[in-house]
Protein backbone atom coordinates (compact mmCIF):
# COMPACT_ATOMS: atom_id res chain seq x y z
CA UNK A 1 1.27 3.12 -17.07
CA UNK A 2 -2.06 2.81 -15.17
CA UNK A 3 -2.50 5.04 -12.09
CA UNK A 4 -2.49 1.81 -9.88
CA UNK A 5 0.89 0.83 -11.38
CA UNK A 6 2.12 4.45 -10.59
CA UNK A 7 1.19 4.11 -7.00
CA UNK A 8 2.81 0.73 -6.71
CA UNK A 9 5.86 2.23 -8.32
CA UNK A 10 5.81 5.02 -5.66
CA UNK A 11 5.47 2.43 -2.89
CA UNK A 12 8.51 0.41 -4.18
CA UNK A 13 10.56 3.38 -4.66
CA UNK A 14 10.32 4.21 -1.14
CA UNK A 15 12.06 1.03 0.13
CA UNK A 16 15.75 0.12 0.05
CA UNK A 17 16.16 -3.80 0.80
CA UNK A 18 18.43 -4.98 3.50
CA UNK A 19 18.72 -8.56 4.33
CA UNK A 20 19.91 -9.16 7.78
CA UNK A 21 17.42 -10.94 10.06
CA UNK A 22 15.94 -14.32 9.89
CA UNK A 23 12.01 -14.54 9.03
CA UNK A 24 9.66 -13.68 11.55
CA UNK A 25 6.05 -12.31 10.96
CA UNK A 26 5.87 -8.44 11.22
CA UNK A 27 4.65 -6.97 14.47
CA UNK A 28 1.54 -4.94 13.91
CA UNK A 29 2.26 -2.88 17.13
CA UNK A 30 4.85 -0.96 14.91
CA UNK A 31 1.89 1.19 14.26
CA UNK A 32 0.77 2.30 17.81
CA UNK A 33 -2.22 4.35 16.83
CA UNK A 34 -3.51 7.35 14.88
CA UNK A 35 -3.46 10.38 17.17
CA UNK A 36 -6.06 13.24 16.30
CA UNK A 37 -4.95 16.27 18.35
CA UNK A 38 -7.66 19.02 19.15
CA UNK A 39 -5.37 21.93 17.85
CA UNK A 40 -7.61 24.94 18.00
CA UNK A 41 -11.12 26.40 18.13
CA UNK A 42 -11.85 29.66 16.31
CA UNK A 43 -13.50 32.34 18.40
CA UNK A 44 -15.36 35.52 17.38
CA UNK A 45 -12.13 37.52 16.94
CA UNK A 46 -10.69 34.96 14.52
CA UNK A 47 -14.03 34.86 12.50
CA UNK A 48 -13.90 38.59 12.08
CA UNK A 49 -10.65 38.37 10.21
CA UNK A 50 -11.04 39.14 6.57
CA UNK A 51 -7.24 38.94 5.51
CA UNK A 52 -7.54 35.11 5.15
CA UNK A 53 -9.92 35.48 2.26
CA UNK A 54 -12.89 33.49 3.35
CA UNK A 55 -13.61 33.97 7.13
CA UNK A 56 -13.14 31.06 9.52
CA UNK A 57 -16.49 30.18 11.05
CA UNK A 58 -16.68 30.85 14.76
CA UNK A 59 -16.55 27.56 16.54
CA UNK A 60 -14.56 25.75 13.67
CA UNK A 61 -12.23 23.34 15.09
CA UNK A 62 -8.75 22.48 13.70
CA UNK A 63 -7.48 18.92 14.20
CA UNK A 64 -4.09 17.66 13.56
CA UNK A 65 -3.73 13.90 12.58
CA UNK A 66 -0.56 12.00 13.48
CA UNK A 67 0.71 8.57 12.75
CA UNK A 68 2.21 7.23 15.88
CA UNK A 69 4.97 4.71 15.30
CA UNK A 70 7.41 2.71 17.41
CA UNK A 71 11.04 3.84 17.12
CA UNK A 72 12.86 2.51 14.03
CA UNK A 73 9.49 2.13 11.93
CA UNK A 74 9.09 4.51 8.90
CA UNK A 75 6.09 5.66 7.31
CA UNK A 76 6.11 4.88 3.62
CA UNK A 77 2.94 5.93 2.19
CA UNK A 78 -0.54 7.29 2.99
CA UNK A 79 -3.10 6.79 0.46
CA UNK A 80 -6.02 4.80 -1.19
CA UNK A 81 -5.32 1.37 -2.58
CA UNK A 82 -7.37 -0.89 -4.84
CA UNK A 83 -10.46 -1.88 -2.80
CA UNK A 84 -9.15 0.22 0.15
CA UNK A 85 -10.13 3.89 -0.58
CA UNK A 86 -8.99 6.86 1.55
CA UNK A 87 -11.65 9.19 2.70
CA UNK A 88 -12.10 12.68 4.14
CA UNK A 89 -15.34 14.50 4.85
CA UNK A 90 -17.18 17.23 6.67
CA UNK A 91 -20.76 18.00 7.03
CA UNK A 92 -20.09 21.54 6.03
CA UNK A 93 -16.82 22.72 4.52
CA UNK A 94 -13.14 22.79 5.18
CA UNK A 95 -11.55 26.27 5.90
CA UNK A 96 -8.83 27.26 3.62
CA UNK A 97 -6.78 30.55 4.16
CA UNK A 98 -6.28 32.30 0.79
CA UNK A 99 -3.87 34.75 2.07
CA UNK A 100 -0.78 32.57 2.57
CA UNK A 101 -2.07 29.07 3.03
CA UNK A 102 -1.10 26.16 0.92
CA UNK A 103 -2.21 22.57 0.09
CA UNK A 104 0.82 20.98 1.79
CA UNK A 105 2.32 21.95 5.24
CA UNK A 106 5.69 22.36 3.66
CA UNK A 107 4.13 25.04 1.44
CA UNK A 108 3.52 27.30 4.41
CA UNK A 109 6.30 30.03 4.51
CA UNK A 110 7.56 30.03 8.05
CA UNK A 111 7.65 33.92 8.07
CA UNK A 112 3.86 33.92 7.42
CA UNK A 113 2.82 31.60 10.34
CA UNK A 114 1.97 34.43 12.44
CA UNK A 115 -0.12 36.22 9.79
CA UNK A 116 -3.99 36.34 10.51
CA UNK A 117 -5.34 32.73 10.51
CA UNK A 118 -2.61 31.18 8.19
CA UNK A 119 -1.72 28.80 11.34
CA UNK A 120 -4.95 27.11 11.01
CA UNK A 121 -5.20 26.65 7.25
CA UNK A 122 -6.18 22.99 5.96
CA UNK A 123 -3.43 20.97 4.34
CA UNK A 124 -1.88 17.73 4.01
CA UNK A 125 1.63 16.73 5.20
CA UNK A 126 4.18 14.12 5.73
CA UNK A 127 5.85 15.72 8.59
CA UNK A 128 6.34 19.32 8.06
CA UNK A 129 4.05 22.13 9.32
CA UNK A 130 5.88 24.82 7.49
CA UNK A 131 8.83 25.23 5.11
CA UNK A 132 11.12 25.38 8.28
CA UNK A 133 9.25 23.38 10.91
CA UNK A 134 7.99 19.81 11.66
CA UNK A 135 4.70 19.40 13.38
CA UNK A 136 4.70 17.92 16.78
CA UNK A 137 1.87 17.41 19.49
CA UNK A 138 1.58 20.62 21.51
CA UNK A 139 2.34 18.52 24.64
CA UNK A 140 5.67 17.79 23.02
CA UNK A 141 6.47 21.38 22.03
CA UNK A 142 8.51 23.09 24.61
CA UNK A 143 9.78 26.25 22.75
CA UNK A 144 6.57 28.34 23.06
CA UNK A 145 4.43 29.77 20.28
CA UNK A 146 5.09 31.60 17.05
CA UNK A 147 1.60 32.00 16.12
CA UNK A 148 -0.90 32.96 18.86
CA UNK A 149 -1.63 36.25 20.99
CA UNK A 150 0.97 38.87 20.89
CA UNK A 151 2.90 36.99 18.19
CA UNK A 152 0.08 37.32 15.91
CA UNK A 153 -0.26 40.26 13.43
CA UNK A 154 -4.06 40.46 14.04
CA UNK A 155 -5.20 40.29 10.55
CA UNK A 156 -7.73 42.65 9.30
CA UNK A 157 -9.00 43.44 12.84
CA UNK A 158 -5.62 44.46 14.39
CA UNK A 159 -6.55 42.36 17.47
CA UNK A 160 -4.26 39.44 18.05
CA UNK A 161 -5.86 36.38 17.03
CA UNK A 162 -5.54 32.55 17.72
CA UNK A 163 -6.00 33.32 21.44
CA UNK A 164 -8.80 31.12 22.48
CA UNK A 165 -8.00 28.91 25.69
CA UNK A 166 -11.07 26.75 25.64
CA UNK A 167 -10.16 23.77 27.79
CA UNK A 168 -11.50 21.12 25.26
CA UNK A 169 -8.59 22.03 22.96
CA UNK A 170 -5.98 21.42 25.63
CA UNK A 171 -2.97 23.58 25.46
CA UNK A 172 -3.69 27.00 24.02
CA UNK A 173 -1.74 28.21 20.94
CA UNK A 174 -0.42 31.13 23.09
CA UNK A 175 1.47 28.68 24.89
CA UNK A 176 2.55 25.99 22.53
CA UNK A 177 1.92 25.81 18.68
CA UNK A 178 3.32 22.32 17.79
CA UNK A 179 5.95 23.81 15.69
CA UNK A 180 9.53 22.69 16.09
CA UNK A 181 12.35 24.16 13.93
CA UNK A 182 13.98 21.61 11.57
CA UNK A 183 17.32 21.66 9.57
CA UNK A 184 15.84 19.26 7.01
CA UNK A 185 12.23 19.41 5.56
CA UNK A 186 11.34 16.09 3.84
CA UNK A 187 9.97 16.44 0.24
CA UNK A 188 6.63 14.87 -0.40
CA UNK A 189 6.04 13.04 -3.67
CA UNK A 190 2.37 12.12 -4.74
CA UNK A 191 0.51 10.33 -7.37
CA UNK A 192 -3.19 10.10 -8.33
CA UNK A 193 -5.92 12.67 -7.84
CA UNK A 194 -5.37 14.45 -4.72
CA UNK A 195 -8.28 16.07 -2.66
CA UNK A 196 -9.32 19.40 -3.37
CA UNK A 197 -10.24 19.97 0.27
CA UNK A 198 -7.11 21.79 0.79
CA UNK A 199 -8.14 24.56 -1.67
CA UNK A 200 -10.64 27.32 -1.17
CA UNK A 201 -14.03 26.21 -2.54
CA UNK A 202 -12.89 22.53 -2.61
CA UNK A 203 -15.35 19.74 -2.12
CA UNK A 204 -16.31 18.62 1.43
CA UNK A 205 -16.20 14.92 0.54
CA UNK A 206 -13.22 12.87 -0.88
CA UNK A 207 -12.86 9.25 -1.65
CA UNK A 208 -10.10 7.70 -3.88
CA UNK A 209 -8.67 4.10 -4.16
CA UNK A 210 -5.76 4.95 -6.28
CA UNK A 211 -3.66 7.63 -4.79
CA UNK A 212 -1.05 8.47 -2.36
CA UNK A 213 1.60 10.61 -0.78
CA UNK A 214 5.05 9.64 0.39
CA UNK A 215 8.47 10.56 1.18
CA UNK A 216 11.02 8.41 -0.71
CA UNK A 217 13.02 6.00 1.50
CA UNK A 218 10.30 6.43 4.25
CA UNK A 219 10.08 8.79 7.06
CA UNK A 220 10.88 8.71 10.73
CA UNK A 221 10.22 11.91 12.85
CA UNK A 222 13.33 13.64 13.96
CA UNK A 223 12.40 13.63 17.59
CA UNK A 224 12.08 10.68 19.72
CA UNK A 225 8.40 10.24 19.62
CA UNK A 226 8.22 9.12 15.98
CA UNK A 227 4.95 10.72 15.61
CA UNK A 228 4.42 11.88 11.95
CA UNK A 229 2.06 14.67 11.20
CA UNK A 230 0.05 13.85 8.00
CA UNK A 231 -2.60 16.64 7.92
CA UNK A 232 -4.21 19.52 9.41
CA UNK A 233 -7.94 20.01 8.80
CA UNK A 234 -10.24 23.04 9.95
CA UNK A 235 -14.11 22.74 9.84
CA UNK A 236 -17.12 23.69 11.94
CA UNK A 237 -18.87 20.46 10.81
CA UNK A 238 -18.48 16.84 11.70
CA UNK A 239 -15.15 15.72 10.46
CA UNK A 240 -14.48 12.05 9.46
CA UNK A 241 -11.78 10.09 7.75
CA UNK A 242 -10.55 6.45 7.06
CA UNK A 243 -6.77 6.09 6.30
CA UNK A 244 -4.57 3.28 4.84
CA UNK A 245 -1.00 3.22 5.44
CA UNK A 246 2.23 1.33 4.56
CA UNK A 247 4.95 1.12 7.20
CA UNK A 248 8.56 -0.01 6.67
CA UNK A 249 10.01 -2.33 9.11
CA UNK A 250 13.34 -1.44 10.96
CA UNK A 251 16.40 -2.65 9.00
CA UNK A 252 17.18 -5.31 11.62
CA UNK A 253 13.85 -7.02 10.94
CA UNK A 254 14.25 -7.33 7.31
CA UNK A 255 15.68 -10.77 5.72
CA UNK A 256 16.15 -12.08 2.25
CA UNK A 257 13.93 -15.13 2.88
CA UNK A 258 11.18 -15.46 0.28
CA UNK A 259 8.42 -15.00 2.91
CA UNK A 260 10.07 -11.84 4.44
CA UNK A 261 8.53 -8.52 4.28
CA UNK A 262 9.99 -4.95 4.11
CA UNK A 263 6.86 -3.31 5.10
CA UNK A 264 3.48 -3.72 6.55
CA UNK A 265 0.07 -2.61 5.05
CA UNK A 266 -2.57 -1.17 7.51
CA UNK A 267 -6.19 -0.85 6.08
CA UNK A 268 -9.21 0.72 7.54
CA UNK A 269 -11.17 -1.84 6.20
CA UNK A 270 -9.29 -5.41 6.04
CA UNK A 271 -10.87 -7.65 3.64
CA UNK A 272 -10.72 -11.51 3.78
CA UNK A 273 -8.79 -11.45 0.36
CA UNK A 274 -6.09 -9.34 1.94
CA UNK A 275 -4.84 -12.20 4.05
CA UNK A 276 -6.05 -15.26 2.10
CA UNK A 277 -3.38 -17.89 1.25
CA UNK A 278 -1.68 -16.83 -2.04
CA UNK A 279 1.76 -17.21 -3.56
CA UNK A 280 2.67 -14.12 -1.42
CA UNK A 281 2.02 -14.46 2.30
CA UNK A 282 -0.58 -11.85 3.74
CA UNK A 283 0.82 -11.82 7.17
CA UNK A 284 1.95 -8.25 6.66
CA UNK A 285 -1.66 -7.03 6.32
CA UNK A 286 -3.51 -5.44 9.30
CA UNK A 287 -6.09 -3.06 10.44
CA UNK A 288 -6.15 -0.82 13.51
CA UNK A 289 -9.44 0.72 15.18
CA UNK A 290 -7.86 4.16 15.02
CA UNK A 291 -7.55 4.28 11.32
CA UNK A 292 -11.06 5.80 11.14
CA UNK A 293 -12.24 8.88 13.14
CA UNK A 294 -15.55 10.65 13.58
CA UNK A 295 -15.49 14.01 15.37
CA UNK A 296 -19.07 13.47 16.59
CA UNK A 297 -18.22 10.48 18.64
CA UNK A 298 -17.40 11.95 22.18
CA UNK A 299 -13.74 11.51 22.95
CA UNK A 300 -12.98 10.07 26.32
CA UNK A 301 -10.55 12.24 28.18
CA UNK A 302 -7.66 11.19 30.41
CA UNK A 303 -10.11 10.64 33.38
CA UNK A 304 -12.32 8.41 31.34
CA UNK A 305 -15.18 11.19 30.88
CA UNK A 306 -16.60 11.33 27.39
CA UNK A 307 -15.99 14.88 26.15
CA UNK A 308 -14.09 15.82 29.33
CA UNK A 309 -11.62 18.52 29.68
CA UNK A 310 -8.77 16.26 31.00
CA UNK A 311 -6.87 16.36 27.73
CA UNK A 312 -3.15 15.88 27.12
CA UNK A 313 -1.42 19.12 28.16
CA UNK A 314 -3.92 19.87 30.99
CA UNK A 315 -2.87 20.14 34.56
CA UNK A 316 -3.15 17.19 36.90
CA UNK A 317 -1.29 15.89 40.22
CA UNK A 318 0.96 13.03 39.82
CA UNK A 319 1.24 12.56 43.60
CA UNK A 320 5.01 13.25 43.71
CA UNK A 321 5.79 16.10 45.92
CA UNK A 322 9.32 16.40 44.11
CA UNK A 323 7.90 17.21 40.78
CA UNK A 324 6.15 20.43 39.42
CA UNK A 325 3.82 21.70 36.82
CA UNK A 326 2.13 18.25 36.42
CA UNK A 327 0.17 17.64 33.20
CA UNK A 328 -1.32 14.76 31.36
CA UNK A 329 0.96 13.58 28.45
CA UNK A 330 -0.11 12.12 25.06
CA UNK A 331 -0.44 8.57 26.79
CA UNK A 332 -2.81 10.32 29.64
CA UNK A 333 -0.20 9.49 32.16
CA UNK A 334 0.20 12.41 34.65
CA UNK A 335 3.79 13.43 34.81
CA UNK A 336 5.63 16.55 36.27
CA UNK A 337 8.71 18.41 35.65
CA UNK A 338 12.03 17.23 37.26
CA UNK A 339 14.57 19.48 38.86
CA UNK A 340 15.73 20.39 35.35
CA UNK A 341 12.39 21.31 34.21
CA UNK A 342 12.03 18.06 32.04
CA UNK A 343 8.64 16.47 31.83
CA UNK A 344 8.74 13.07 33.21
CA UNK A 345 12.47 13.53 33.65
CA UNK A 346 14.71 11.67 36.29
CA UNK A 347 16.48 14.65 37.84
CA UNK A 348 14.69 14.36 41.19
CA UNK A 349 15.96 14.70 44.77
CA UNK A 350 18.55 11.83 45.60
CA UNK A 351 19.96 11.85 42.15
CA UNK A 352 23.37 13.33 41.05
CA UNK A 353 23.59 16.90 39.75
CA UNK A 354 26.48 19.51 39.35
CA UNK A 355 26.27 22.47 41.68
CA UNK A 356 28.90 24.35 39.71
CA UNK A 357 31.33 24.55 42.63
CA UNK A 358 34.57 22.66 42.12
CA UNK A 359 35.16 22.78 46.02
CA UNK A 360 32.24 20.56 46.69
CA UNK A 361 31.66 16.76 46.10
CA UNK A 362 28.88 14.26 45.72
CA UNK A 363 26.55 17.01 44.42
CA UNK A 364 22.84 15.85 44.65
CA UNK A 365 19.48 17.19 44.15
CA UNK A 366 17.67 17.64 47.51
CA UNK A 367 14.07 18.42 48.44
CA UNK A 368 13.10 21.65 46.93
CA UNK A 369 15.28 20.97 43.89
CA UNK A 370 18.33 22.58 45.21
CA UNK A 371 21.55 21.15 43.94
CA UNK A 372 23.74 20.52 47.18
CA UNK A 373 27.43 19.35 47.26
CA UNK A 374 29.41 18.45 50.42
CA UNK A 375 31.91 21.22 51.30
CA UNK A 376 35.13 21.27 53.38
CA UNK A 377 35.84 17.63 53.03
CA UNK A 378 38.81 16.24 51.14
CA UNK A 379 38.39 12.95 49.15
CA UNK A 380 40.51 10.00 50.19
CA UNK A 381 41.04 6.66 48.96
CA UNK A 382 40.72 3.47 51.52
CA UNK A 383 40.69 -0.19 51.59
CA UNK A 384 37.92 0.02 54.09
CA UNK A 385 34.66 -1.22 52.54
CA UNK A 386 31.29 0.44 53.61
CA UNK A 387 27.75 -0.42 52.96
CA UNK A 388 24.72 1.82 54.06
CA UNK A 389 21.34 0.40 54.13
CA UNK A 390 18.65 1.81 53.41
CA UNK A 391 19.80 4.72 51.57
CA UNK A 392 17.85 7.06 51.20
CA UNK A 393 16.50 6.75 54.64
CA UNK A 394 13.84 8.33 56.66
CA UNK A 395 15.45 7.43 59.81
CA UNK A 396 17.85 4.77 61.02
CA UNK A 397 20.61 3.30 58.67
CA UNK A 398 22.75 0.30 59.16
CA UNK A 399 26.25 0.74 58.47
CA UNK A 400 28.47 -2.32 57.62
CA UNK A 401 32.20 -1.96 57.64
CA UNK A 402 34.83 -4.50 56.61
CA UNK A 403 37.99 -3.32 58.51
CA UNK A 404 41.51 -4.11 58.48
CA UNK A 405 42.88 -5.96 61.62
CA UNK A 406 44.34 -3.98 64.50
CA UNK A 407 43.47 -0.48 63.38
CA UNK A 408 41.99 2.32 65.46
CA UNK A 409 38.48 3.01 64.31
CA UNK A 410 36.28 6.21 64.54
CA UNK A 411 33.48 7.68 62.61
CA UNK A 412 31.85 11.08 62.07
CA UNK A 413 28.59 12.00 60.36
CA UNK A 414 28.77 15.61 58.92
CA UNK A 415 25.77 17.65 57.40
CA UNK A 416 25.87 19.41 54.13
CA UNK A 417 28.22 22.18 55.31
CA UNK A 418 30.69 20.01 57.05
CA UNK A 419 29.49 20.35 60.55
CA UNK A 420 29.65 17.05 62.71
CA UNK A 421 26.23 15.96 63.92
CA UNK A 422 27.53 12.64 65.60
CA UNK A 423 30.45 10.63 66.00
CA UNK A 424 32.31 8.01 68.17
CA UNK A 425 35.64 6.53 68.99
CA UNK A 426 35.39 2.73 68.56
CA UNK A 427 38.83 1.66 69.58
CA UNK A 428 40.98 -0.93 67.95
CA UNK A 429 38.77 -2.95 65.75
CA UNK A 430 39.10 -5.31 62.85
CA UNK A 431 37.05 -7.54 60.64
CA UNK A 432 33.23 -6.83 60.17
CA UNK A 433 31.43 -4.26 62.13
CA UNK A 434 27.84 -3.03 62.14
CA UNK A 435 26.58 0.22 63.52
CA UNK A 436 22.98 1.79 63.59
CA UNK A 437 22.96 5.35 63.01
CA UNK A 438 19.74 7.30 63.93
CA UNK A 439 18.99 10.32 61.66
CA UNK A 440 15.25 10.63 62.38
CA UNK A 441 15.78 13.86 64.29
CA UNK A 442 17.96 15.37 61.35
CA UNK A 443 16.53 17.45 58.39
CA UNK A 444 16.07 16.02 55.12
CA UNK A 445 19.18 16.46 53.04
CA UNK A 446 22.66 15.01 52.30
CA UNK A 447 25.13 13.75 55.05
CA UNK A 448 28.52 12.40 54.78
CA UNK A 449 29.80 9.42 56.84
CA UNK A 450 33.46 9.30 57.43
CA UNK A 451 35.17 6.35 58.81
CA UNK A 452 38.77 6.48 59.95
CA UNK A 453 40.85 3.23 60.16
CA UNK A 454 44.33 4.12 61.19
CA UNK A 455 45.55 6.86 58.98
CA UNK A 456 43.05 6.25 56.12
CA UNK A 457 39.57 7.49 55.43
CA UNK A 458 36.62 6.05 53.97
CA UNK A 459 33.39 7.96 52.88
CA UNK A 460 29.83 7.25 52.01
CA UNK A 461 27.06 9.61 51.39
CA UNK A 462 23.72 9.11 53.20
CA UNK A 463 20.36 10.70 51.85
CA UNK A 464 17.99 11.56 54.51
CA UNK A 465 14.45 11.96 53.19
């Protein structure tokens, strides 16, 4: 069997046909982009370490490469195909840690991640960044760091390593290391001649049109981002690559029609022959501008500045006083933490929460991210219908009541501790009644409107901003 047939066999083995949907041309936006993360920049302390074998050059940059897919899409294969070589190169050499490094992310023993410069070794991957972790962008890693600063053994120098906090590398490794513990680590299979750039003394240039690595059945990241780490590369030179990928469609988009596809092919260089009319439709073959990368091209930061420091994970101001710790996310949107500490979360003032007190009701986040409930008021049921608009309000609210005929009506507005701040006896009323309540002189917070009709009570919460 030729090597190309072996690669084709590998690709076919990653698919499990499902016939569900009617035919529709594949959507190339299933591949959103290739993300190259500036993971770390080695400083003088790192360069002084000898435990890693060869010393990492001062100023060497570690890049992590992710395939960013839409939810439901699976990465099938990364590789070089006939007339479509995959390439990696550096103008100097790639750094490889001889102490406890590996050729694949899954080869790195997790108990060694904090040893000398193991965490910036050069390797390929299909998700894993150790034998117990998958790799994620540092901005998506919320469980701290295993590898940098006081967690590092200091190597031969005894001084904690991987502590550089240069702004152009985004979040420092002492804060987040892009490692998330995983219960299952996918097994990588490969065919063809793999690059030796992951080995000490390996070549600085690789190109092959008949090799690939994959996870049988395809792989979707275990988190909601569906960004899949395919390699980590450390070099002090100009770093370039061009990639080719096969991506499996979601099950619901696969059908049994003869023209239907199970996967999409993405090539760094899409040839006219790839999509020419043949017996098999070529409408599943695409290219994408991010499939090739050159580190010498200045990366535009989140403010549009070439080579700027406003990188994902760096601080910003989202303009919302109700959020905190605002940072740029991977899409360069400035987002802050909500009242539960979730970046971009929805637990903001005016939304429900639980203050943990069973004696309160209508618990709501208020300004300052305090979860407040209304105390001292017993819940009742009523046939009286209330509507309060606008709510939340900065001042006056209009209260509309649909009342039973012939009932004595009164209302009270209470603050968060149950004190009456306004109220009125309205006499015997029925039908529709509208009131205007002015809260402009009241502090921001949660208020409770009680409307009594005869012996029944109706309630509505009012949020004052």
